[in-house]
């Protein structure tokens, strides 16, 4: 059995400047949630507001070694609104309609030039000049969704 030990040169890192910066700054520093719940007889309503603080990150389509060669992707703080209305048909049966992220807020997307991947290289898979997904997001990048629910408690 042989073992190989590889030592890194002093001052080297396993991570690029971009990776180190994004690890520390891509998550928001604050998340604040407020919820209001109201009921009267068979009816009920819930309103939820969630605030995500600003996010800061750097990216590029094919990696970048230093921050000055990266593209800044700064997401401003956003507030997401969720709503739900409920009706109790009986004590055990409930019908609900709701929406999470009612206003369909999505994270910023990073734009690049058509040759961002290099001369003659393929464009992003969505066929445009934009990297389709944000590098990271504290909230769902797919936007809002709406639902109906029937609950039975026994």
N, C-alpha and C. Protein backbone atom coordinates (compact mmCIF):
# COMPACT_ATOMS: atom_id res chain seq x y z
N UNK A 1 0.86 -1.17 0.00
CA UNK A 1 0.00 0.00 0.00
C UNK A 1 0.90 1.22 0.00
N UNK A 2 0.66 2.09 -0.94
CA UNK A 2 1.45 3.31 -1.04
C UNK A 2 0.54 4.51 -0.79
N UNK A 3 1.07 5.51 -0.18
CA UNK A 3 0.32 6.74 0.09
C UNK A 3 1.03 7.90 -0.59
N UNK A 4 0.25 8.76 -1.18
CA UNK A 4 0.81 9.94 -1.83
C UNK A 4 0.31 11.15 -1.06
N UNK A 5 1.22 11.97 -0.63
CA UNK A 5 0.88 13.19 0.09
C UNK A 5 1.20 14.37 -0.82
N UNK A 6 0.20 15.20 -1.04
CA UNK A 6 0.37 16.37 -1.88
C UNK A 6 0.24 17.59 -0.99
N UNK A 7 1.25 18.43 -1.00
CA UNK A 7 1.22 19.64 -0.19
C UNK A 7 1.01 20.85 -1.11
N UNK A 8 0.13 21.72 -0.70
CA UNK A 8 -0.11 22.95 -1.46
C UNK A 8 0.96 23.97 -1.14
N UNK A 9 1.29 24.77 -2.11
CA UNK A 9 2.26 25.82 -1.90
C UNK A 9 1.70 26.85 -0.92
N UNK A 10 2.55 27.48 -0.12
CA UNK A 10 2.05 28.49 0.81
C UNK A 10 1.30 29.61 0.08
N UNK A 11 0.18 30.04 0.66
CA UNK A 11 -0.60 31.12 0.07
C UNK A 11 -1.59 30.68 -0.98
N UNK A 12 -1.68 29.38 -1.28
CA UNK A 12 -2.64 28.92 -2.27
C UNK A 12 -3.96 28.56 -1.58
N UNK A 13 -5.00 28.46 -2.40
CA UNK A 13 -6.32 28.16 -1.86
C UNK A 13 -7.01 27.16 -2.79
N UNK A 14 -7.86 26.35 -2.22
CA UNK A 14 -8.65 25.44 -3.03
C UNK A 14 -9.81 26.16 -3.72
N UNK A 15 -10.10 27.39 -3.30
CA UNK A 15 -11.24 28.13 -3.80
C UNK A 15 -10.78 29.40 -4.51
N UNK A 16 -11.56 29.79 -5.52
CA UNK A 16 -11.27 31.04 -6.23
C UNK A 16 -11.80 32.20 -5.40
N UNK A 17 -11.42 33.43 -5.80
CA UNK A 17 -11.96 34.62 -5.13
C UNK A 17 -13.48 34.66 -5.25
N UNK A 18 -14.00 34.27 -6.42
CA UNK A 18 -15.45 34.25 -6.66
C UNK A 18 -16.14 33.30 -5.67
N UNK A 19 -15.60 32.11 -5.51
CA UNK A 19 -16.20 31.12 -4.62
C UNK A 19 -16.17 31.59 -3.18
N UNK A 20 -15.06 32.13 -2.75
CA UNK A 20 -14.96 32.63 -1.37
C UNK A 20 -15.95 33.77 -1.12
N UNK A 21 -16.05 34.71 -2.04
CA UNK A 21 -16.97 35.84 -1.88
C UNK A 21 -18.41 35.35 -1.83
N UNK A 22 -18.78 34.48 -2.76
CA UNK A 22 -20.16 34.00 -2.83
C UNK A 22 -20.52 33.17 -1.60
N UNK A 23 -19.59 32.43 -1.06
CA UNK A 23 -19.85 31.62 0.13
C UNK A 23 -20.26 32.51 1.30
N UNK A 24 -19.63 33.66 1.41
CA UNK A 24 -19.90 34.57 2.54
C UNK A 24 -21.09 35.48 2.28
N UNK A 25 -21.26 35.98 1.04
CA UNK A 25 -22.21 37.05 0.77
C UNK A 25 -23.47 36.67 -0.01
N UNK A 26 -23.58 35.46 -0.54
CA UNK A 26 -24.73 35.16 -1.40
C UNK A 26 -26.02 34.91 -0.63
N UNK A 27 -25.94 34.62 0.65
CA UNK A 27 -27.16 34.46 1.46
C UNK A 27 -27.50 35.82 2.08
N UNK A 28 -28.78 36.15 2.16
CA UNK A 28 -29.15 37.44 2.76
C UNK A 28 -28.80 37.47 4.24
N UNK A 29 -28.45 38.65 4.73
CA UNK A 29 -28.10 38.80 6.14
C UNK A 29 -29.33 38.81 7.03
N UNK A 30 -30.50 39.08 6.46
CA UNK A 30 -31.72 39.08 7.27
C UNK A 30 -32.88 38.46 6.50
N UNK A 31 -33.75 37.83 7.27
CA UNK A 31 -35.01 37.31 6.77
C UNK A 31 -36.04 37.64 7.85
N UNK A 32 -37.07 38.38 7.46
CA UNK A 32 -38.08 38.82 8.42
C UNK A 32 -39.44 38.31 7.94
N UNK A 33 -40.17 37.65 8.80
CA UNK A 33 -41.47 37.13 8.45
C UNK A 33 -42.56 37.67 9.37
N UNK A 34 -43.66 38.12 8.79
CA UNK A 34 -44.83 38.58 9.53
C UNK A 34 -46.04 37.80 9.03
N UNK A 35 -46.85 37.32 9.97
CA UNK A 35 -48.03 36.54 9.60
C UNK A 35 -49.26 37.07 10.33
N UNK A 36 -50.36 37.22 9.60
CA UNK A 36 -51.65 37.59 10.19
C UNK A 36 -52.63 36.47 9.87
N UNK A 37 -53.32 35.98 10.90
CA UNK A 37 -54.28 34.90 10.73
C UNK A 37 -55.61 35.35 11.33
N UNK A 38 -56.68 35.30 10.54
CA UNK A 38 -57.98 35.77 10.99
C UNK A 38 -59.02 34.68 10.73
N UNK A 39 -59.89 34.42 11.72
CA UNK A 39 -60.97 33.46 11.55
C UNK A 39 -62.27 34.04 12.11
N UNK A 40 -63.36 33.66 11.48
CA UNK A 40 -64.70 34.04 11.94
C UNK A 40 -65.65 32.95 11.46
N UNK A 41 -66.22 32.25 12.43
CA UNK A 41 -67.14 31.15 12.13
C UNK A 41 -66.45 30.14 11.20
N UNK A 42 -67.02 29.94 9.99
CA UNK A 42 -66.45 28.95 9.07
C UNK A 42 -65.33 29.51 8.20
N UNK A 43 -65.08 30.78 8.24
CA UNK A 43 -64.11 31.41 7.33
C UNK A 43 -62.77 31.65 8.02
N UNK A 44 -61.71 31.61 7.25
CA UNK A 44 -60.39 31.92 7.76
C UNK A 44 -59.52 32.51 6.66
N UNK A 45 -58.65 33.43 7.02
CA UNK A 45 -57.73 34.05 6.07
C UNK A 45 -56.35 34.14 6.70
N UNK A 46 -55.34 33.93 5.89
CA UNK A 46 -53.95 34.08 6.34
C UNK A 46 -53.22 34.97 5.34
N UNK A 47 -52.48 35.93 5.85
CA UNK A 47 -51.62 36.80 5.06
C UNK A 47 -50.23 36.70 5.65
N UNK A 48 -49.25 36.39 4.80
CA UNK A 48 -47.86 36.26 5.25
C UNK A 48 -46.97 37.12 4.36
N UNK A 49 -46.13 37.91 4.96
CA UNK A 49 -45.14 38.73 4.24
C UNK A 49 -43.76 38.31 4.74
N UNK A 50 -42.88 37.96 3.80
CA UNK A 50 -41.51 37.57 4.13
C UNK A 50 -40.56 38.47 3.39
N UNK A 51 -39.66 39.11 4.13
CA UNK A 51 -38.65 39.99 3.53
C UNK A 51 -37.30 39.27 3.55
N UNK A 52 -36.65 39.22 2.39
CA UNK A 52 -35.29 38.70 2.27
C UNK A 52 -34.38 39.86 1.97
N UNK A 53 -33.33 40.04 2.77
CA UNK A 53 -32.39 41.13 2.59
C UNK A 53 -31.61 40.98 1.29
N UNK A 54 -30.81 41.99 0.96
CA UNK A 54 -30.03 41.96 -0.29
C UNK A 54 -29.03 40.80 -0.32
N UNK A 55 -28.77 40.33 -1.53
CA UNK A 55 -27.78 39.29 -1.76
C UNK A 55 -26.72 39.83 -2.73
N UNK A 56 -25.50 39.47 -2.50
CA UNK A 56 -24.39 39.93 -3.34
C UNK A 56 -23.58 38.71 -3.77
N UNK A 57 -23.34 38.62 -5.07
CA UNK A 57 -22.52 37.52 -5.57
C UNK A 57 -21.88 37.91 -6.90
N UNK A 58 -20.91 37.13 -7.30
CA UNK A 58 -20.25 37.31 -8.59
C UNK A 58 -20.36 36.02 -9.37
N UNK A 59 -20.41 36.15 -10.69
CA UNK A 59 -20.54 34.98 -11.54
C UNK A 59 -19.94 35.24 -12.91
N UNK A 60 -19.80 34.18 -13.68
CA UNK A 60 -19.42 34.27 -15.09
C UNK A 60 -19.86 32.97 -15.74
N UNK A 61 -20.01 32.94 -17.06
CA UNK A 61 -20.50 31.72 -17.69
C UNK A 61 -19.51 30.57 -17.62
N UNK A 62 -18.22 30.86 -17.57
CA UNK A 62 -17.25 29.77 -17.56
C UNK A 62 -16.22 29.93 -16.44
N UNK A 63 -16.61 30.56 -15.35
CA UNK A 63 -15.70 30.72 -14.22
C UNK A 63 -14.83 31.95 -14.37
N UNK A 64 -14.39 32.49 -13.26
CA UNK A 64 -13.49 33.62 -13.30
C UNK A 64 -12.51 33.47 -12.14
N UNK A 65 -11.30 33.83 -12.37
CA UNK A 65 -10.26 33.65 -11.35
C UNK A 65 -10.24 34.74 -10.31
N UNK A 66 -10.49 35.99 -10.73
CA UNK A 66 -10.47 37.11 -9.79
C UNK A 66 -11.78 37.88 -9.91
N UNK A 67 -12.15 38.59 -8.85
CA UNK A 67 -13.44 39.29 -8.85
C UNK A 67 -13.54 40.36 -9.93
N UNK A 68 -12.43 40.96 -10.33
CA UNK A 68 -12.51 41.99 -11.35
C UNK A 68 -12.80 41.42 -12.74
N UNK A 69 -12.70 40.11 -12.93
CA UNK A 69 -13.06 39.49 -14.21
C UNK A 69 -14.45 38.86 -14.16
N UNK A 70 -15.13 38.96 -13.04
CA UNK A 70 -16.48 38.40 -12.87
C UNK A 70 -17.55 39.45 -13.17
N UNK A 71 -18.78 38.99 -13.28
CA UNK A 71 -19.93 39.87 -13.46
C UNK A 71 -20.66 39.94 -12.12
N UNK A 72 -20.94 41.16 -11.65
CA UNK A 72 -21.65 41.35 -10.39
C UNK A 72 -23.12 40.99 -10.56
N UNK A 73 -23.64 40.22 -9.62
CA UNK A 73 -25.05 39.85 -9.61
C UNK A 73 -25.60 40.20 -8.24
N UNK A 74 -26.09 41.42 -8.10
CA UNK A 74 -26.60 41.89 -6.82
C UNK A 74 -28.12 41.88 -6.85
N UNK A 75 -28.72 41.19 -5.90
CA UNK A 75 -30.16 41.10 -5.76
C UNK A 75 -30.59 42.04 -4.65
N UNK A 76 -31.45 42.98 -4.96
CA UNK A 76 -31.98 43.89 -3.94
C UNK A 76 -32.87 43.11 -2.98
N UNK A 77 -33.09 43.66 -1.80
CA UNK A 77 -34.00 43.04 -0.85
C UNK A 77 -35.41 42.97 -1.44
N UNK A 78 -36.12 41.88 -1.19
CA UNK A 78 -37.47 41.71 -1.73
C UNK A 78 -38.43 41.23 -0.65
N UNK A 79 -39.68 41.59 -0.82
CA UNK A 79 -40.74 41.11 0.05
C UNK A 79 -41.68 40.21 -0.74
N UNK A 80 -41.95 39.02 -0.22
CA UNK A 80 -42.85 38.07 -0.87
C UNK A 80 -44.15 37.98 -0.07
N UNK A 81 -45.27 37.96 -0.76
CA UNK A 81 -46.58 37.93 -0.12
C UNK A 81 -47.26 36.59 -0.40
N UNK A 82 -47.76 35.95 0.66
CA UNK A 82 -48.53 34.71 0.56
C UNK A 82 -49.93 34.98 1.10
N UNK A 83 -50.95 34.42 0.46
CA UNK A 83 -52.34 34.58 0.88
C UNK A 83 -53.03 33.21 0.90
N UNK A 84 -53.95 33.03 1.84
CA UNK A 84 -54.78 31.82 1.83
C UNK A 84 -56.15 32.15 2.40
N UNK A 85 -57.19 31.64 1.76
CA UNK A 85 -58.57 31.77 2.24
C UNK A 85 -59.10 30.35 2.48
N UNK A 86 -59.79 30.17 3.62
CA UNK A 86 -60.29 28.86 4.01
C UNK A 86 -61.79 28.93 4.32
N UNK A 87 -62.46 27.81 4.07
CA UNK A 87 -63.86 27.69 4.44
C UNK A 87 -64.08 26.30 5.01
N UNK A 88 -64.61 26.23 6.23
CA UNK A 88 -64.91 24.95 6.87
C UNK A 88 -66.31 24.52 6.47
N UNK A 89 -66.40 23.52 5.63
CA UNK A 89 -67.68 23.01 5.18
C UNK A 89 -68.38 22.30 6.36
N UNK A 90 -67.62 21.47 7.06
CA UNK A 90 -68.07 20.85 8.31
C UNK A 90 -66.92 21.00 9.30
N UNK A 91 -67.08 20.45 10.50
CA UNK A 91 -65.98 20.51 11.47
C UNK A 91 -64.77 19.72 11.00
N UNK A 92 -64.97 18.72 10.15
CA UNK A 92 -63.86 17.89 9.70
C UNK A 92 -63.39 18.22 8.28
N UNK A 93 -64.21 18.85 7.48
CA UNK A 93 -63.90 19.08 6.07
C UNK A 93 -63.66 20.57 5.82
N UNK A 94 -62.51 20.88 5.21
CA UNK A 94 -62.13 22.26 4.95
C UNK A 94 -61.68 22.41 3.50
N UNK A 95 -62.05 23.52 2.88
CA UNK A 95 -61.63 23.85 1.52
C UNK A 95 -60.80 25.13 1.58
N UNK A 96 -59.65 25.14 0.88
CA UNK A 96 -58.74 26.30 0.90
C UNK A 96 -58.30 26.66 -0.51
N UNK A 97 -58.12 27.95 -0.73
CA UNK A 97 -57.49 28.49 -1.94
C UNK A 97 -56.37 29.40 -1.49
N UNK A 98 -55.21 29.31 -2.16
CA UNK A 98 -54.10 30.15 -1.72
C UNK A 98 -53.09 30.41 -2.81
N UNK A 99 -52.15 31.26 -2.47
CA UNK A 99 -51.06 31.60 -3.38
C UNK A 99 -49.82 31.91 -2.57
N UNK A 100 -48.72 31.34 -2.97
CA UNK A 100 -47.42 31.68 -2.41
C UNK A 100 -46.69 32.55 -3.43
N UNK A 101 -46.11 33.64 -2.96
CA UNK A 101 -45.45 34.61 -3.84
C UNK A 101 -46.47 35.12 -4.87
N UNK A 102 -47.52 35.75 -4.37
CA UNK A 102 -48.66 36.22 -5.17
C UNK A 102 -48.22 37.05 -6.37
N UNK A 103 -47.22 37.89 -6.21
CA UNK A 103 -46.82 38.82 -7.28
C UNK A 103 -45.73 38.25 -8.18
N UNK A 104 -45.46 36.94 -8.05
CA UNK A 104 -44.55 36.22 -8.95
C UNK A 104 -43.17 36.86 -9.04
N UNK A 105 -42.61 37.23 -7.90
CA UNK A 105 -41.28 37.85 -7.86
C UNK A 105 -40.22 36.77 -8.05
N UNK A 106 -39.27 37.04 -8.93
CA UNK A 106 -38.19 36.09 -9.22
C UNK A 106 -36.85 36.77 -8.98
N UNK A 107 -35.83 35.98 -8.68
CA UNK A 107 -34.50 36.58 -8.50
C UNK A 107 -33.96 37.14 -9.82
N UNK A 108 -33.01 38.06 -9.72
CA UNK A 108 -32.36 38.60 -10.90
C UNK A 108 -31.69 37.49 -11.69
N UNK A 109 -31.57 37.72 -12.99
CA UNK A 109 -30.81 36.81 -13.86
C UNK A 109 -29.64 37.59 -14.43
N UNK A 110 -28.55 36.90 -14.64
CA UNK A 110 -27.32 37.55 -15.08
C UNK A 110 -27.20 37.50 -16.59
N UNK A 111 -27.04 38.66 -17.22
CA UNK A 111 -26.90 38.70 -18.67
C UNK A 111 -25.45 38.62 -19.12
N UNK A 112 -25.20 37.99 -20.25
CA UNK A 112 -23.87 37.89 -20.84
C UNK A 112 -23.97 38.15 -22.33
N UNK A 113 -22.86 38.46 -22.95
CA UNK A 113 -22.86 38.66 -24.39
C UNK A 113 -22.98 37.31 -25.10
N UNK A 114 -23.36 37.30 -26.40
CA UNK A 114 -23.52 36.02 -27.12
C UNK A 114 -22.25 35.18 -27.15
N UNK A 115 -21.08 35.79 -27.12
CA UNK A 115 -19.83 35.02 -27.15
C UNK A 115 -19.20 34.89 -25.77
N UNK A 116 -20.01 34.96 -24.73
CA UNK A 116 -19.47 34.90 -23.38
C UNK A 116 -18.75 33.59 -23.10
N UNK A 117 -19.12 32.53 -23.83
CA UNK A 117 -18.48 31.24 -23.62
C UNK A 117 -17.23 31.09 -24.48
N UNK A 118 -16.90 32.11 -25.24
CA UNK A 118 -15.74 32.06 -26.11
C UNK A 118 -16.18 32.04 -27.56
N UNK A 119 -15.28 32.40 -28.48
CA UNK A 119 -15.63 32.44 -29.90
C UNK A 119 -16.12 31.08 -30.39
N UNK A 120 -17.30 31.05 -31.02
CA UNK A 120 -17.84 29.82 -31.58
C UNK A 120 -18.43 28.87 -30.56
N UNK A 121 -18.44 29.25 -29.29
CA UNK A 121 -18.97 28.36 -28.26
C UNK A 121 -20.49 28.47 -28.20
N UNK A 122 -21.12 27.47 -27.64
CA UNK A 122 -22.58 27.43 -27.56
C UNK A 122 -23.12 28.50 -26.62
N UNK A 123 -24.32 28.95 -26.89
CA UNK A 123 -25.03 29.88 -26.02
C UNK A 123 -25.67 29.09 -24.89
N UNK A 124 -26.19 29.76 -23.88
CA UNK A 124 -26.89 29.05 -22.81
C UNK A 124 -28.03 28.20 -23.36
N UNK A 125 -28.41 27.16 -22.63
CA UNK A 125 -29.39 26.19 -23.11
C UNK A 125 -30.75 26.80 -23.37
N UNK A 126 -31.05 27.97 -22.77
CA UNK A 126 -32.34 28.60 -23.04
C UNK A 126 -32.35 29.34 -24.37
N UNK A 127 -31.22 29.33 -25.10
CA UNK A 127 -31.15 29.94 -26.41
C UNK A 127 -30.96 31.44 -26.40
N UNK A 128 -30.88 32.06 -25.25
CA UNK A 128 -30.72 33.50 -25.17
C UNK A 128 -29.32 33.90 -24.75
N UNK A 129 -29.21 35.12 -24.28
CA UNK A 129 -27.94 35.64 -23.82
C UNK A 129 -27.90 35.74 -22.31
N UNK A 130 -28.68 34.92 -21.64
CA UNK A 130 -28.79 35.00 -20.20
C UNK A 130 -28.56 33.63 -19.60
N UNK A 131 -27.80 33.58 -18.54
CA UNK A 131 -27.70 32.35 -17.78
C UNK A 131 -29.07 32.14 -17.16
N UNK A 132 -29.71 31.02 -17.40
CA UNK A 132 -31.09 30.81 -17.02
C UNK A 132 -31.36 30.85 -15.53
N UNK A 133 -30.52 30.30 -14.72
CA UNK A 133 -30.77 30.23 -13.28
C UNK A 133 -29.84 31.18 -12.55
N UNK A 134 -30.34 31.80 -11.48
CA UNK A 134 -29.44 32.60 -10.66
C UNK A 134 -28.43 31.68 -9.98
N UNK A 135 -27.28 32.22 -9.63
CA UNK A 135 -26.26 31.41 -8.97
C UNK A 135 -26.80 30.88 -7.65
N UNK A 136 -27.48 31.71 -6.90
CA UNK A 136 -28.14 31.26 -5.69
C UNK A 136 -29.30 32.20 -5.41
N UNK A 137 -30.25 31.72 -4.69
CA UNK A 137 -31.39 32.56 -4.32
C UNK A 137 -31.96 32.06 -3.01
N UNK A 138 -32.34 32.98 -2.15
CA UNK A 138 -32.91 32.60 -0.87
C UNK A 138 -34.37 32.19 -1.03
N UNK A 139 -34.99 32.56 -2.13
CA UNK A 139 -36.38 32.21 -2.37
C UNK A 139 -36.50 31.50 -3.71
N UNK A 140 -37.63 30.88 -3.94
CA UNK A 140 -37.84 30.03 -5.11
C UNK A 140 -37.64 30.79 -6.42
N UNK A 141 -36.69 30.36 -7.26
CA UNK A 141 -36.44 31.06 -8.52
C UNK A 141 -37.56 30.86 -9.55
N UNK A 142 -38.51 29.96 -9.29
CA UNK A 142 -39.60 29.71 -10.24
C UNK A 142 -40.77 30.66 -10.07
N UNK A 143 -40.71 31.57 -9.12
CA UNK A 143 -41.78 32.54 -8.93
C UNK A 143 -42.92 31.99 -8.10
N UNK A 144 -44.10 32.56 -8.29
CA UNK A 144 -45.26 32.20 -7.48
C UNK A 144 -45.95 30.93 -7.92
N UNK A 145 -46.74 30.38 -7.01
CA UNK A 145 -47.62 29.28 -7.37
C UNK A 145 -48.91 29.39 -6.59
N UNK A 146 -49.95 28.80 -7.17
CA UNK A 146 -51.30 28.95 -6.66
C UNK A 146 -51.88 27.56 -6.45
N UNK A 147 -52.75 27.42 -5.47
CA UNK A 147 -53.21 26.07 -5.13
C UNK A 147 -54.62 26.08 -4.57
N UNK A 148 -55.23 24.91 -4.63
CA UNK A 148 -56.49 24.62 -3.96
C UNK A 148 -56.27 23.38 -3.11
N UNK A 149 -56.91 23.30 -1.96
CA UNK A 149 -56.69 22.17 -1.07
C UNK A 149 -58.00 21.79 -0.39
N UNK A 150 -58.23 20.50 -0.28
CA UNK A 150 -59.35 19.97 0.48
C UNK A 150 -58.74 19.14 1.60
N UNK A 151 -59.11 19.46 2.85
CA UNK A 151 -58.57 18.76 4.03
C UNK A 151 -59.70 18.06 4.76
N UNK A 152 -59.43 16.86 5.21
CA UNK A 152 -60.38 16.13 6.03
C UNK A 152 -59.67 15.66 7.30
N UNK A 153 -60.14 16.08 8.45
CA UNK A 153 -59.57 15.69 9.74
C UNK A 153 -60.46 14.64 10.38
N UNK A 154 -59.87 13.54 10.79
CA UNK A 154 -60.66 12.49 11.45
C UNK A 154 -60.00 12.07 12.73
